[in-house]
PDB file of N, CA and C in Angstrom:
ATOM      1  N   UNK A   1       3.314  31.338 -61.081  1.00  0.00           N
ATOM      2  CA  UNK A   1       2.428  31.447 -59.956  1.00  0.00           C
ATOM      3  C   UNK A   1       1.621  32.737 -60.079  1.00  0.00           C
ATOM      4  N   UNK A   2       0.334  32.638 -59.810  1.00  0.00           N
ATOM      5  CA  UNK A   2      -0.528  33.800 -59.964  1.00  0.00           C
ATOM      6  C   UNK A   2      -0.389  34.728 -58.773  1.00  0.00           C
ATOM      7  N   UNK A   3      -0.478  35.993 -59.045  1.00  0.00           N
ATOM      8  CA  UNK A   3      -0.387  36.977 -57.969  1.00  0.00           C
ATOM      9  C   UNK A   3      -1.738  37.141 -57.295  1.00  0.00           C
ATOM     10  N   UNK A   4      -1.669  37.461 -56.017  1.00  0.00           N
ATOM     11  CA  UNK A   4      -2.892  37.686 -55.260  1.00  0.00           C
ATOM     12  C   UNK A   4      -3.199  39.173 -55.299  1.00  0.00           C
ATOM     13  N   UNK A   5      -4.400  39.459 -55.736  1.00  0.00           N
ATOM     14  CA  UNK A   5      -4.801  40.858 -55.859  1.00  0.00           C
ATOM     15  C   UNK A   5      -5.617  41.270 -54.648  1.00  0.00           C
ATOM     16  N   UNK A   6      -5.868  42.552 -54.535  1.00  0.00           N
ATOM     17  CA  UNK A   6      -6.679  43.058 -53.422  1.00  0.00           C
ATOM     18  C   UNK A   6      -8.105  42.544 -53.512  1.00  0.00           C
ATOM     19  N   UNK A   7      -8.573  42.307 -54.733  1.00  0.00           N
ATOM     20  CA  UNK A   7      -9.914  41.724 -54.886  1.00  0.00           C
ATOM     21  C   UNK A   7      -9.961  40.312 -54.312  1.00  0.00           C
ATOM     22  N   UNK A   8      -8.879  39.553 -54.529  1.00  0.00           N
ATOM     23  CA  UNK A   8      -8.808  38.194 -53.968  1.00  0.00           C
ATOM     24  C   UNK A   8      -8.825  38.258 -52.436  1.00  0.00           C
ATOM     25  N   UNK A   9      -8.074  39.178 -51.894  1.00  0.00           N
ATOM     26  CA  UNK A   9      -8.029  39.334 -50.432  1.00  0.00           C
ATOM     27  C   UNK A   9      -9.396  39.723 -49.900  1.00  0.00           C
ATOM     28  N   UNK A  10     -10.082  40.611 -50.595  1.00  0.00           N
ATOM     29  CA  UNK A  10     -11.428  41.020 -50.178  1.00  0.00           C
ATOM     30  C   UNK A  10     -12.394  39.843 -50.243  1.00  0.00           C
ATOM     31  N   UNK A  11     -12.265  39.017 -51.284  1.00  0.00           N
ATOM     32  CA  UNK A  11     -13.116  37.831 -51.407  1.00  0.00           C
ATOM     33  C   UNK A  11     -12.863  36.861 -50.244  1.00  0.00           C
ATOM     34  N   UNK A  12     -11.587  36.692 -49.897  1.00  0.00           N
ATOM     35  CA  UNK A  12     -11.233  35.799 -48.790  1.00  0.00           C
ATOM     36  C   UNK A  12     -11.800  36.338 -47.479  1.00  0.00           C
ATOM     37  N   UNK A  13     -11.661  37.642 -47.253  1.00  0.00           N
ATOM     38  CA  UNK A  13     -12.200  38.244 -46.028  1.00  0.00           C
ATOM     39  C   UNK A  13     -13.716  38.102 -45.969  1.00  0.00           C
ATOM     40  N   UNK A  14     -14.372  38.265 -47.086  1.00  0.00           N
ATOM     41  CA  UNK A  14     -15.833  38.116 -47.134  1.00  0.00           C
ATOM     42  C   UNK A  14     -16.233  36.675 -46.839  1.00  0.00           C
ATOM     43  N   UNK A  15     -15.484  35.740 -47.412  1.00  0.00           N
ATOM     44  CA  UNK A  15     -15.776  34.322 -47.173  1.00  0.00           C
ATOM     45  C   UNK A  15     -15.568  33.970 -45.700  1.00  0.00           C
ATOM     46  N   UNK A  16     -14.504  34.476 -45.100  1.00  0.00           N
ATOM     47  CA  UNK A  16     -14.242  34.211 -43.684  1.00  0.00           C
ATOM     48  C   UNK A  16     -15.355  34.797 -42.821  1.00  0.00           C
ATOM     49  N   UNK A  17     -15.799  35.998 -43.136  1.00  0.00           N
ATOM     50  CA  UNK A  17     -16.880  36.624 -42.370  1.00  0.00           C
ATOM     51  C   UNK A  17     -18.165  35.811 -42.482  1.00  0.00           C
ATOM     52  N   UNK A  18     -18.463  35.315 -43.689  1.00  0.00           N
ATOM     53  CA  UNK A  18     -19.688  34.519 -43.845  1.00  0.00           C
ATOM     54  C   UNK A  18     -19.565  33.186 -43.107  1.00  0.00           C
ATOM     55  N   UNK A  19     -18.371  32.596 -43.088  1.00  0.00           N
ATOM     56  CA  UNK A  19     -18.169  31.356 -42.337  1.00  0.00           C
ATOM     57  C   UNK A  19     -18.340  31.584 -40.831  1.00  0.00           C
ATOM     58  N   UNK A  20     -17.811  32.678 -40.329  1.00  0.00           N
ATOM     59  CA  UNK A  20     -17.978  32.995 -38.898  1.00  0.00           C
ATOM     60  C   UNK A  20     -19.460  33.171 -38.555  1.00  0.00           C
ATOM     61  N   UNK A  21     -20.183  33.857 -39.431  1.00  0.00           N
ATOM     62  CA  UNK A  21     -21.620  34.044 -39.210  1.00  0.00           C
ATOM     63  C   UNK A  21     -22.341  32.701 -39.226  1.00  0.00           C
ATOM     64  N   UNK A  22     -21.963  31.841 -40.159  1.00  0.00           N
ATOM     65  CA  UNK A  22     -22.570  30.517 -40.247  1.00  0.00           C
ATOM     66  C   UNK A  22     -22.292  29.703 -38.986  1.00  0.00           C
ATOM     67  N   UNK A  23     -21.067  29.757 -38.481  1.00  0.00           N
ATOM     68  CA  UNK A  23     -20.712  29.031 -37.260  1.00  0.00           C
ATOM     69  C   UNK A  23     -21.549  29.526 -36.090  1.00  0.00           C
ATOM     70  N   UNK A  24     -21.675  30.840 -35.943  1.00  0.00           N
ATOM     71  CA  UNK A  24     -22.477  31.396 -34.841  1.00  0.00           C
ATOM     72  C   UNK A  24     -23.940  31.004 -34.962  1.00  0.00           C
ATOM     73  N   UNK A  25     -24.459  31.039 -36.175  1.00  0.00           N
ATOM     74  CA  UNK A  25     -25.862  30.667 -36.402  1.00  0.00           C
ATOM     75  C   UNK A  25     -26.095  29.200 -36.056  1.00  0.00           C
ATOM     76  N   UNK A  26     -25.204  28.335 -36.511  1.00  0.00           N
ATOM     77  CA  UNK A  26     -25.349  26.906 -36.228  1.00  0.00           C
ATOM     78  C   UNK A  26     -25.184  26.625 -34.733  1.00  0.00           C
ATOM     79  N   UNK A  27     -24.288  27.353 -34.090  1.00  0.00           N
ATOM     80  CA  UNK A  27     -24.097  27.165 -32.643  1.00  0.00           C
ATOM     81  C   UNK A  27     -25.363  27.542 -31.884  1.00  0.00           C
ATOM     82  N   UNK A  28     -26.071  28.564 -32.343  1.00  0.00           N
ATOM     83  CA  UNK A  28     -27.309  28.972 -31.685  1.00  0.00           C
ATOM     84  C   UNK A  28     -28.427  27.961 -31.905  1.00  0.00           C
ATOM     85  N   UNK A  29     -28.373  27.250 -33.029  1.00  0.00           N
ATOM     86  CA  UNK A  29     -29.426  26.276 -33.325  1.00  0.00           C
ATOM     87  C   UNK A  29     -29.148  24.905 -32.740  1.00  0.00           C
ATOM     88  N   UNK A  30     -27.967  24.692 -32.199  1.00  0.00           N
ATOM     89  CA  UNK A  30     -27.594  23.378 -31.664  1.00  0.00           C
ATOM     90  C   UNK A  30     -28.455  23.051 -30.444  1.00  0.00           C
ATOM     91  N   UNK A  31     -29.166  21.925 -30.450  1.00  0.00           N
ATOM     92  CA  UNK A  31     -30.032  21.596 -29.317  1.00  0.00           C
ATOM     93  C   UNK A  31     -29.245  21.184 -28.073  1.00  0.00           C
ATOM     94  N   UNK A  32     -27.980  20.880 -28.229  1.00  0.00           N
ATOM     95  CA  UNK A  32     -27.179  20.415 -27.100  1.00  0.00           C
ATOM     96  C   UNK A  32     -26.247  21.493 -26.554  1.00  0.00           C
ATOM     97  N   UNK A  33     -26.394  22.735 -26.997  1.00  0.00           N
ATOM     98  CA  UNK A  33     -25.440  23.773 -26.614  1.00  0.00           C
ATOM     99  C   UNK A  33     -25.434  24.027 -25.110  1.00  0.00           C
ATOM    100  N   UNK A  34     -26.589  23.921 -24.457  1.00  0.00           N
ATOM    101  CA  UNK A  34     -26.625  24.138 -23.007  1.00  0.00           C
ATOM    102  C   UNK A  34     -25.941  22.992 -22.265  1.00  0.00           C
ATOM    103  N   UNK A  35     -26.171  21.767 -22.722  1.00  0.00           N
ATOM    104  CA  UNK A  35     -25.499  20.627 -22.090  1.00  0.00           C
ATOM    105  C   UNK A  35     -23.990  20.692 -22.299  1.00  0.00           C
ATOM    106  N   UNK A  36     -23.576  21.125 -23.475  1.00  0.00           N
ATOM    107  CA  UNK A  36     -22.141  21.254 -23.760  1.00  0.00           C
ATOM    108  C   UNK A  36     -21.526  22.305 -22.850  1.00  0.00           C
ATOM    109  N   UNK A  37     -22.216  23.417 -22.672  1.00  0.00           N
ATOM    110  CA  UNK A  37     -21.702  24.480 -21.798  1.00  0.00           C
ATOM    111  C   UNK A  37     -21.619  23.987 -20.353  1.00  0.00           C
ATOM    112  N   UNK A  38     -22.661  23.270 -19.905  1.00  0.00           N
ATOM    113  CA  UNK A  38     -22.642  22.735 -18.544  1.00  0.00           C
ATOM    114  C   UNK A  38     -21.524  21.713 -18.363  1.00  0.00           C
ATOM    115  N   UNK A  39     -21.339  20.863 -19.352  1.00  0.00           N
ATOM    116  CA  UNK A  39     -20.301  19.832 -19.259  1.00  0.00           C
ATOM    117  C   UNK A  39     -18.912  20.454 -19.220  1.00  0.00           C
ATOM    118  N   UNK A  40     -18.714  21.513 -19.976  1.00  0.00           N
ATOM    119  CA  UNK A  40     -17.397  22.148 -19.959  1.00  0.00           C
ATOM    120  C   UNK A  40     -17.147  22.865 -18.642  1.00  0.00           C
ATOM    121  N   UNK A  41     -18.200  23.233 -17.927  1.00  0.00           N
ATOM    122  CA  UNK A  41     -18.040  23.878 -16.624  1.00  0.00           C
ATOM    123  C   UNK A  41     -17.872  22.873 -15.494  1.00  0.00           C
ATOM    124  N   UNK A  42     -18.095  21.592 -15.757  1.00  0.00           N
ATOM    125  CA  UNK A  42     -18.027  20.561 -14.709  1.00  0.00           C
ATOM    126  C   UNK A  42     -16.675  19.893 -14.594  1.00  0.00           C
ATOM    127  N   UNK A  43     -15.675  20.358 -15.303  1.00  0.00           N
ATOM    128  CA  UNK A  43     -14.379  19.669 -15.269  1.00  0.00           C
ATOM    129  C   UNK A  43     -13.771  19.683 -13.875  1.00  0.00           C
ATOM    130  N   UNK A  44     -13.929  20.769 -13.142  1.00  0.00           N
ATOM    131  CA  UNK A  44     -13.372  20.834 -11.779  1.00  0.00           C
ATOM    132  C   UNK A  44     -14.093  19.860 -10.854  1.00  0.00           C
ATOM    133  N   UNK A  45     -15.416  19.787 -10.982  1.00  0.00           N
ATOM    134  CA  UNK A  45     -16.195  18.881 -10.145  1.00  0.00           C
ATOM    135  C   UNK A  45     -15.836  17.429 -10.453  1.00  0.00           C
ATOM    136  N   UNK A  46     -15.689  17.106 -11.713  1.00  0.00           N
ATOM    137  CA  UNK A  46     -15.333  15.743 -12.102  1.00  0.00           C
ATOM    138  C   UNK A  46     -13.944  15.390 -11.575  1.00  0.00           C
ATOM    139  N   UNK A  47     -13.022  16.326 -11.630  1.00  0.00           N
ATOM    140  CA  UNK A  47     -11.686  16.095 -11.089  1.00  0.00           C
ATOM    141  C   UNK A  47     -11.721  15.804  -9.604  1.00  0.00           C
ATOM    142  N   UNK A  48     -12.548  16.555  -8.864  1.00  0.00           N
ATOM    143  CA  UNK A  48     -12.684  16.317  -7.423  1.00  0.00           C
ATOM    144  C   UNK A  48     -13.321  14.955  -7.152  1.00  0.00           C
ATOM    145  N   UNK A  49     -14.306  14.575  -7.965  1.00  0.00           N
ATOM    146  CA  UNK A  49     -14.946  13.266  -7.802  1.00  0.00           C
ATOM    147  C   UNK A  49     -13.953  12.129  -8.040  1.00  0.00           C
ATOM    148  N   UNK A  50     -13.133  12.265  -9.051  1.00  0.00           N
ATOM    149  CA  UNK A  50     -12.137  11.235  -9.336  1.00  0.00           C
ATOM    150  C   UNK A  50     -11.159  11.116  -8.175  1.00  0.00           C
ATOM    151  N   UNK A  51     -10.738  12.254  -7.633  1.00  0.00           N
ATOM    152  CA  UNK A  51      -9.819  12.228  -6.490  1.00  0.00           C
ATOM    153  C   UNK A  51     -10.477  11.596  -5.266  1.00  0.00           C
ATOM    154  N   UNK A  52     -11.750  11.909  -5.030  1.00  0.00           N
ATOM    155  CA  UNK A  52     -12.466  11.343  -3.887  1.00  0.00           C
ATOM    156  C   UNK A  52     -12.607   9.828  -4.027  1.00  0.00           C
ATOM    157  N   UNK A  53     -12.934   9.365  -5.222  1.00  0.00           N
ATOM    158  CA  UNK A  53     -13.076   7.920  -5.451  1.00  0.00           C
ATOM    159  C   UNK A  53     -11.731   7.221  -5.228  1.00  0.00           C
ATOM    160  N   UNK A  54     -10.652   7.827  -5.693  1.00  0.00           N
ATOM    161  CA  UNK A  54      -9.331   7.233  -5.484  1.00  0.00           C
ATOM    162  C   UNK A  54      -9.005   7.155  -3.992  1.00  0.00           C
ATOM    163  N   UNK A  55      -9.329   8.215  -3.256  1.00  0.00           N
ATOM    164  CA  UNK A  55      -9.088   8.204  -1.807  1.00  0.00           C
ATOM    165  C   UNK A  55      -9.940   7.153  -1.106  1.00  0.00           C
ATOM    166  N   UNK A  56     -11.191   7.009  -1.532  1.00  0.00           N
ATOM    167  CA  UNK A  56     -12.061   5.990  -0.937  1.00  0.00           C
ATOM    168  C   UNK A  56     -11.537   4.586  -1.202  1.00  0.00           C
ATOM    169  N   UNK A  57     -11.015   4.350  -2.401  1.00  0.00           N
ATOM    170  CA  UNK A  57     -10.451   3.039  -2.712  1.00  0.00           C
ATOM    171  C   UNK A  57      -9.264   2.738  -1.804  1.00  0.00           C
ATOM    172  N   UNK A  58      -8.429   3.743  -1.573  1.00  0.00           N
ATOM    173  CA  UNK A  58      -7.293   3.550  -0.670  1.00  0.00           C
ATOM    174  C   UNK A  58      -7.761   3.288   0.764  1.00  0.00           C
ATOM    175  N   UNK A  59      -8.790   4.036   1.193  1.00  0.00           N
ATOM    176  CA  UNK A  59      -9.319   3.839   2.547  1.00  0.00           C
ATOM    177  C   UNK A  59      -9.885   2.430   2.721  1.00  0.00           C
ATOM    178  N   UNK A  60     -10.617   1.933   1.716  1.00  0.00           N
ATOM    179  CA  UNK A  60     -11.162   0.577   1.803  1.00  0.00           C
ATOM    180  C   UNK A  60     -10.043  -0.461   1.832  1.00  0.00           C
ATOM    181  N   UNK A  61      -9.011  -0.237   1.042  1.00  0.00           N
ATOM    182  CA  UNK A  61      -7.886  -1.177   1.040  1.00  0.00           C
ATOM    183  C   UNK A  61      -7.201  -1.193   2.399  1.00  0.00           C
ATOM    184  N   UNK A  62      -6.996  -0.006   2.975  1.00  0.00           N
ATOM    185  CA  UNK A  62      -6.376   0.061   4.306  1.00  0.00           C
ATOM    186  C   UNK A  62      -7.249  -0.609   5.355  1.00  0.00           C
ATOM    187  N   UNK A  63      -8.549  -0.373   5.272  1.00  0.00           N
ATOM    188  CA  UNK A  63      -9.463  -0.992   6.239  1.00  0.00           C
ATOM    189  C   UNK A  63      -9.426  -2.512   6.116  1.00  0.00           C
ATOM    190  N   UNK A  64      -9.370  -3.019   4.905  1.00  0.00           N
ATOM    191  CA  UNK A  64      -9.290  -4.461   4.700  1.00  0.00           C
ATOM    192  C   UNK A  64      -7.997  -5.046   5.243  1.00  0.00           C
ATOM    193  N   UNK A  65      -6.907  -4.339   5.038  1.00  0.00           N
ATOM    194  CA  UNK A  65      -5.620  -4.816   5.553  1.00  0.00           C
ATOM    195  C   UNK A  65      -5.629  -4.810   7.080  1.00  0.00           C
ATOM    196  N   UNK A  66      -6.120  -3.722   7.658  1.00  0.00           N
ATOM    197  CA  UNK A  66      -6.171  -3.629   9.127  1.00  0.00           C
ATOM    198  C   UNK A  66      -7.073  -4.713   9.716  1.00  0.00           C
ATOM    199  N   UNK A  67      -8.230  -4.929   9.107  1.00  0.00           N
ATOM    200  CA  UNK A  67      -9.142  -5.956   9.608  1.00  0.00           C
ATOM    201  C   UNK A  67      -8.519  -7.337   9.455  1.00  0.00           C
ATOM    202  N   UNK A  68      -7.843  -7.561   8.340  1.00  0.00           N
ATOM    203  CA  UNK A  68      -7.190  -8.853   8.131  1.00  0.00           C
ATOM    204  C   UNK A  68      -6.080  -9.099   9.137  1.00  0.00           C
ATOM    205  N   UNK A  69      -5.315  -8.067   9.427  1.00  0.00           N
ATOM    206  CA  UNK A  69      -4.240  -8.223  10.406  1.00  0.00           C
ATOM    207  C   UNK A  69      -4.806  -8.463  11.805  1.00  0.00           C
ATOM    208  N   UNK A  70      -5.867  -7.715  12.148  1.00  0.00           N
ATOM    209  CA  UNK A  70      -6.467  -7.882  13.474  1.00  0.00           C
ATOM    210  C   UNK A  70      -7.104  -9.262  13.598  1.00  0.00           C
ATOM    211  N   UNK A  71      -7.836  -9.664  12.569  1.00  0.00           N
ATOM    212  CA  UNK A  71      -8.470 -10.984  12.595  1.00  0.00           C
ATOM    213  C   UNK A  71      -7.448 -12.094  12.611  1.00  0.00           C
ATOM    214  N   UNK A  72      -6.404 -11.947  11.839  1.00  0.00           N
ATOM    215  CA  UNK A  72      -5.349 -12.956  11.817  1.00  0.00           C
ATOM    216  C   UNK A  72      -4.633 -13.038  13.153  1.00  0.00           C
ATOM    217  N   UNK A  73      -4.405 -11.900  13.767  1.00  0.00           N
ATOM    218  CA  UNK A  73      -3.756 -11.892  15.082  1.00  0.00           C
ATOM    219  C   UNK A  73      -4.622 -12.542  16.141  1.00  0.00           C
ATOM    220  N   UNK A  74      -5.915 -12.257  16.107  1.00  0.00           N
ATOM    221  CA  UNK A  74      -6.841 -12.839  17.082  1.00  0.00           C
ATOM    222  C   UNK A  74      -6.938 -14.348  16.877  1.00  0.00           C
ATOM    223  N   UNK A  75      -7.042 -14.774  15.627  1.00  0.00           N
ATOM    224  CA  UNK A  75      -7.112 -16.216  15.355  1.00  0.00           C
ATOM    225  C   UNK A  75      -5.815 -16.906  15.761  1.00  0.00           C
ATOM    226  N   UNK A  76      -4.699 -16.231  15.519  1.00  0.00           N
ATOM    227  CA  UNK A  76      -3.418 -16.792  15.925  1.00  0.00           C
ATOM    228  C   UNK A  76      -3.333 -16.976  17.428  1.00  0.00           C
ATOM    229  N   UNK A  77      -3.839 -15.982  18.175  1.00  0.00           N
ATOM    230  CA  UNK A  77      -3.818 -16.077  19.641  1.00  0.00           C
ATOM    231  C   UNK A  77      -4.726 -17.206  20.120  1.00  0.00           C
ATOM    232  N   UNK A  78      -5.906 -17.341  19.529  1.00  0.00           N
ATOM    233  CA  UNK A  78      -6.842 -18.406  19.919  1.00  0.00           C
ATOM    234  C   UNK A  78      -6.237 -19.770  19.619  1.00  0.00           C
ATOM    235  N   UNK A  79      -5.653 -19.923  18.458  1.00  0.00           N
ATOM    236  CA  UNK A  79      -5.032 -21.204  18.094  1.00  0.00           C
ATOM    237  C   UNK A  79      -3.874 -21.513  19.033  1.00  0.00           C
ATOM    238  N   UNK A  80      -3.089 -20.499  19.404  1.00  0.00           N
ATOM    239  CA  UNK A  80      -1.974 -20.714  20.322  1.00  0.00           C
ATOM    240  C   UNK A  80      -2.476 -21.187  21.686  1.00  0.00           C
ATOM    241  N   UNK A  81      -3.568 -20.567  22.165  1.00  0.00           N
ATOM    242  CA  UNK A  81      -4.145 -20.990  23.450  1.00  0.00           C
ATOM    243  C   UNK A  81      -4.641 -22.426  23.346  1.00  0.00           C
ATOM    244  N   UNK A  82      -5.332 -22.769  22.267  1.00  0.00           N
ATOM    245  CA  UNK A  82      -5.811 -24.141  22.080  1.00  0.00           C
ATOM    246  C   UNK A  82      -4.640 -25.121  21.989  1.00  0.00           C
ATOM    247  N   UNK A  83      -3.567 -24.720  21.323  1.00  0.00           N
ATOM    248  CA  UNK A  83      -2.394 -25.576  21.215  1.00  0.00           C
ATOM    249  C   UNK A  83      -1.763 -25.828  22.594  1.00  0.00           C
ATOM    250  N   UNK A  84      -1.665 -24.770  23.407  1.00  0.00           N
ATOM    251  CA  UNK A  84      -1.089 -24.917  24.750  1.00  0.00           C
ATOM    252  C   UNK A  84      -1.967 -25.830  25.609  1.00  0.00           C
ATOM    253  N   UNK A  85      -3.301 -25.658  25.503  1.00  0.00           N
ATOM    254  CA  UNK A  85      -4.220 -26.515  26.266  1.00  0.00           C
ATOM    255  C   UNK A  85      -4.085 -27.967  25.793  1.00  0.00           C
ATOM    256  N   UNK A  86      -3.994 -28.159  24.475  1.00  0.00           N
ATOM    257  CA  UNK A  86      -3.855 -29.516  23.939  1.00  0.00           C
ATOM    258  C   UNK A  86      -2.549 -30.148  24.411  1.00  0.00           C
ATOM    259  N   UNK A  87      -1.464 -29.384  24.448  1.00  0.00           N
ATOM    260  CA  UNK A  87      -0.187 -29.910  24.943  1.00  0.00           C
ATOM    261  C   UNK A  87      -0.277 -30.221  26.433  1.00  0.00           C
ATOM    262  N   UNK A  88      -0.948 -29.329  27.174  1.00  0.00           N
ATOM    263  CA  UNK A  88      -1.077 -29.499  28.627  1.00  0.00           C
ATOM    264  C   UNK A  88      -1.904 -30.748  28.951  1.00  0.00           C
ATOM    265  N   UNK A  89      -2.938 -30.989  28.140  1.00  0.00           N
ATOM    266  CA  UNK A  89      -3.772 -32.163  28.328  1.00  0.00           C
ATOM    267  C   UNK A  89      -3.168 -33.405  27.674  1.00  0.00           C
ATOM    268  N   UNK A  90      -2.023 -33.246  27.033  1.00  0.00           N
ATOM    269  CA  UNK A  90      -1.301 -34.331  26.351  1.00  0.00           C
ATOM    270  C   UNK A  90      -2.136 -34.944  25.221  1.00  0.00           C
ATOM    271  N   UNK A  91      -2.905 -34.078  24.554  1.00  0.00           N
ATOM    272  CA  UNK A  91      -3.636 -34.543  23.390  1.00  0.00           C
ATOM    273  C   UNK A  91      -2.719 -34.567  22.157  1.00  0.00           C
ATOM    274  N   UNK A  92      -1.630 -33.826  22.200  1.00  0.00           N
ATOM    275  CA  UNK A  92      -0.697 -33.763  21.064  1.00  0.00           C
ATOM    276  C   UNK A  92       0.643 -34.318  21.453  1.00  0.00           C
TER     277      UNK A  92
END
């Protein structure tokens, strides 16, 4: 196995420095860098939106259940009254 010399280490450090410079340069030239920065800052807002949508779905489901129960109860009462009238009139 070959030994690593100080020259090799210096070459590696130089290569790493040039890669870092290249990354920074490319990041500055990226046309989407502002959108990426904005999108990464919107994670909290998106989380709140998801929670709000979930709550709205639950509210709509509850409203549907309540309306169904109220409507079913009202229809049941009307049918019961009609049934009593029909029995009283001896239609049944």
